[in-house]
Amino acid sequence: MIIYHNEDVDQLRRAAYPPLVDLADAMYWQSQGQEAKMMEYNAAVGDVKRRYPKPVKP
């Protein structure tokens, strides 16, 4: 069975991604040797990618 979605996945992802200011903050703290904020940011991005997967093209 093939399921088609009418929603634009890219638009949904853009709305759900964490703000870029959070990425900048995480990058700063990573440069200071603290990885926790970058790991949190990457986890949030991963959650969005799993929630709104890109459609598989036949």
N, C-alpha and C. Protein backbone atom coordinates (compact mmCIF):
# COMPACT_ATOMS: atom_id res chain seq x y z
N MET A 1 0.84 -1.16 0.00
CA MET A 1 0.00 0.00 0.00
C MET A 1 0.90 1.24 0.00
N ILE A 2 0.57 2.22 -0.81
CA ILE A 2 1.29 3.48 -0.88
C ILE A 2 0.43 4.57 -0.29
N ILE A 3 1.03 5.34 0.60
CA ILE A 3 0.32 6.46 1.23
C ILE A 3 0.94 7.76 0.72
N TYR A 4 0.11 8.63 0.22
CA TYR A 4 0.58 9.93 -0.25
C TYR A 4 0.15 11.01 0.72
N HIS A 5 1.05 11.91 1.02
CA HIS A 5 0.76 13.02 1.91
C HIS A 5 0.68 14.30 1.10
N ASN A 6 -0.28 15.13 1.39
CA ASN A 6 -0.43 16.39 0.69
C ASN A 6 0.43 17.49 1.31
N GLU A 7 0.91 17.27 2.51
CA GLU A 7 1.69 18.28 3.21
C GLU A 7 3.10 18.36 2.64
N ASP A 8 3.65 19.53 2.61
CA ASP A 8 5.01 19.74 2.16
C ASP A 8 5.95 19.44 3.33
N VAL A 9 6.70 18.35 3.22
CA VAL A 9 7.57 17.90 4.30
C VAL A 9 8.60 18.96 4.65
N ASP A 10 9.17 19.62 3.65
CA ASP A 10 10.18 20.65 3.92
C ASP A 10 9.59 21.79 4.74
N GLN A 11 8.39 22.18 4.44
CA GLN A 11 7.74 23.27 5.17
C GLN A 11 7.46 22.85 6.62
N LEU A 12 7.00 21.62 6.80
CA LEU A 12 6.75 21.12 8.16
C LEU A 12 8.05 21.07 8.96
N ARG A 13 9.12 20.59 8.31
CA ARG A 13 10.41 20.52 8.99
C ARG A 13 10.90 21.91 9.38
N ARG A 14 10.82 22.87 8.46
CA ARG A 14 11.28 24.23 8.76
C ARG A 14 10.58 24.79 9.99
N ALA A 15 9.30 24.55 10.09
CA ALA A 15 8.54 25.07 11.23
C ALA A 15 8.89 24.37 12.54
N ALA A 16 9.35 23.12 12.46
CA ALA A 16 9.59 22.33 13.66
C ALA A 16 11.04 22.36 14.15
N TYR A 17 11.98 22.71 13.27
CA TYR A 17 13.39 22.72 13.69
C TYR A 17 13.63 23.73 14.81
N PRO A 18 14.58 23.44 15.69
CA PRO A 18 14.92 24.41 16.73
C PRO A 18 15.56 25.66 16.09
N PRO A 19 15.48 26.80 16.74
CA PRO A 19 16.01 28.04 16.18
C PRO A 19 17.54 27.97 15.98
N LEU A 20 18.02 28.70 14.96
CA LEU A 20 19.45 28.73 14.69
C LEU A 20 20.25 29.37 15.81
N VAL A 21 19.62 30.24 16.59
CA VAL A 21 20.32 30.83 17.72
C VAL A 21 20.71 29.73 18.72
N ASP A 22 19.91 28.69 18.82
CA ASP A 22 20.26 27.56 19.69
C ASP A 22 21.48 26.82 19.15
N LEU A 23 21.57 26.71 17.82
CA LEU A 23 22.74 26.08 17.20
C LEU A 23 23.99 26.91 17.48
N ALA A 24 23.89 28.22 17.34
CA ALA A 24 25.04 29.09 17.61
C ALA A 24 25.51 28.94 19.05
N ASP A 25 24.57 28.90 19.96
CA ASP A 25 24.91 28.73 21.37
C ASP A 25 25.58 27.37 21.60
N ALA A 26 25.03 26.35 20.99
CA ALA A 26 25.61 25.00 21.14
C ALA A 26 27.01 24.94 20.55
N MET A 27 27.23 25.62 19.43
CA MET A 27 28.56 25.64 18.81
C MET A 27 29.57 26.35 19.72
N TYR A 28 29.13 27.44 20.33
CA TYR A 28 30.02 28.15 21.26
C TYR A 28 30.44 27.23 22.40
N TRP A 29 29.46 26.60 23.04
CA TRP A 29 29.78 25.75 24.19
C TRP A 29 30.59 24.53 23.77
N GLN A 30 30.36 24.05 22.57
CA GLN A 30 31.17 22.93 22.08
C GLN A 30 32.63 23.37 21.93
N SER A 31 32.84 24.61 21.45
CA SER A 31 34.22 25.11 21.31
C SER A 31 34.90 25.28 22.67
N GLN A 32 34.09 25.36 23.72
CA GLN A 32 34.62 25.48 25.08
C GLN A 32 34.77 24.11 25.75
N GLY A 33 34.53 23.06 24.98
CA GLY A 33 34.72 21.71 25.50
C GLY A 33 33.48 21.08 26.11
N GLN A 34 32.34 21.73 25.99
CA GLN A 34 31.09 21.19 26.55
C GLN A 34 30.20 20.71 25.41
N GLU A 35 29.98 19.43 25.34
CA GLU A 35 29.25 18.81 24.23
C GLU A 35 27.74 18.71 24.46
N ALA A 36 27.28 18.92 25.67
CA ALA A 36 25.88 18.62 26.02
C ALA A 36 24.87 19.40 25.17
N LYS A 37 25.10 20.70 24.99
CA LYS A 37 24.13 21.50 24.23
C LYS A 37 24.08 21.07 22.76
N MET A 38 25.24 20.72 22.18
CA MET A 38 25.26 20.28 20.80
C MET A 38 24.55 18.93 20.66
N MET A 39 24.73 18.07 21.63
CA MET A 39 24.04 16.78 21.60
C MET A 39 22.53 16.98 21.69
N GLU A 40 22.09 17.91 22.54
CA GLU A 40 20.66 18.21 22.66
C GLU A 40 20.11 18.78 21.35
N TYR A 41 20.86 19.69 20.74
CA TYR A 41 20.41 20.29 19.48
C TYR A 41 20.30 19.22 18.39
N ASN A 42 21.33 18.38 18.29
CA ASN A 42 21.30 17.32 17.28
C ASN A 42 20.16 16.33 17.53
N ALA A 43 19.87 16.06 18.77
CA ALA A 43 18.75 15.17 19.10
C ALA A 43 17.43 15.79 18.67
N ALA A 44 17.28 17.10 18.88
CA ALA A 44 16.05 17.79 18.48
C ALA A 44 15.88 17.76 16.95
N VAL A 45 16.97 17.97 16.23
CA VAL A 45 16.92 17.90 14.76
C VAL A 45 16.57 16.48 14.32
N GLY A 46 17.16 15.50 14.95
CA GLY A 46 16.86 14.10 14.63
C GLY A 46 15.40 13.76 14.87
N ASP A 47 14.83 14.29 15.94
CA ASP A 47 13.41 14.06 16.23
C ASP A 47 12.53 14.62 15.11
N VAL A 48 12.88 15.81 14.62
CA VAL A 48 12.10 16.42 13.53
C VAL A 48 12.21 15.56 12.28
N LYS A 49 13.40 15.09 11.98
CA LYS A 49 13.60 14.27 10.78
C LYS A 49 12.82 12.95 10.87
N ARG A 50 12.73 12.39 12.06
CA ARG A 50 11.96 11.15 12.23
C ARG A 50 10.45 11.43 12.17
N ARG A 51 10.03 12.58 12.72
CA ARG A 51 8.61 12.93 12.72
C ARG A 51 8.10 13.24 11.31
N TYR A 52 8.96 13.86 10.51
CA TYR A 52 8.58 14.24 9.14
C TYR A 52 9.59 13.67 8.15
N PRO A 53 9.54 12.37 7.90
CA PRO A 53 10.52 11.76 6.99
C PRO A 53 10.29 12.22 5.55
N LYS A 54 11.39 12.29 4.80
CA LYS A 54 11.29 12.62 3.38
C LYS A 54 10.60 11.45 2.67
N PRO A 55 9.73 11.73 1.73
CA PRO A 55 9.07 10.64 1.02
C PRO A 55 10.06 9.86 0.16
N VAL A 56 9.83 8.57 0.07
CA VAL A 56 10.67 7.71 -0.75
C VAL A 56 10.18 7.81 -2.19
N LYS A 57 11.08 8.15 -3.08
CA LYS A 57 10.70 8.29 -4.48
C LYS A 57 10.78 6.92 -5.16
N PRO A 58 9.72 6.59 -5.90
CA PRO A 58 9.70 5.26 -6.55
C PRO A 58 10.73 5.13 -7.64
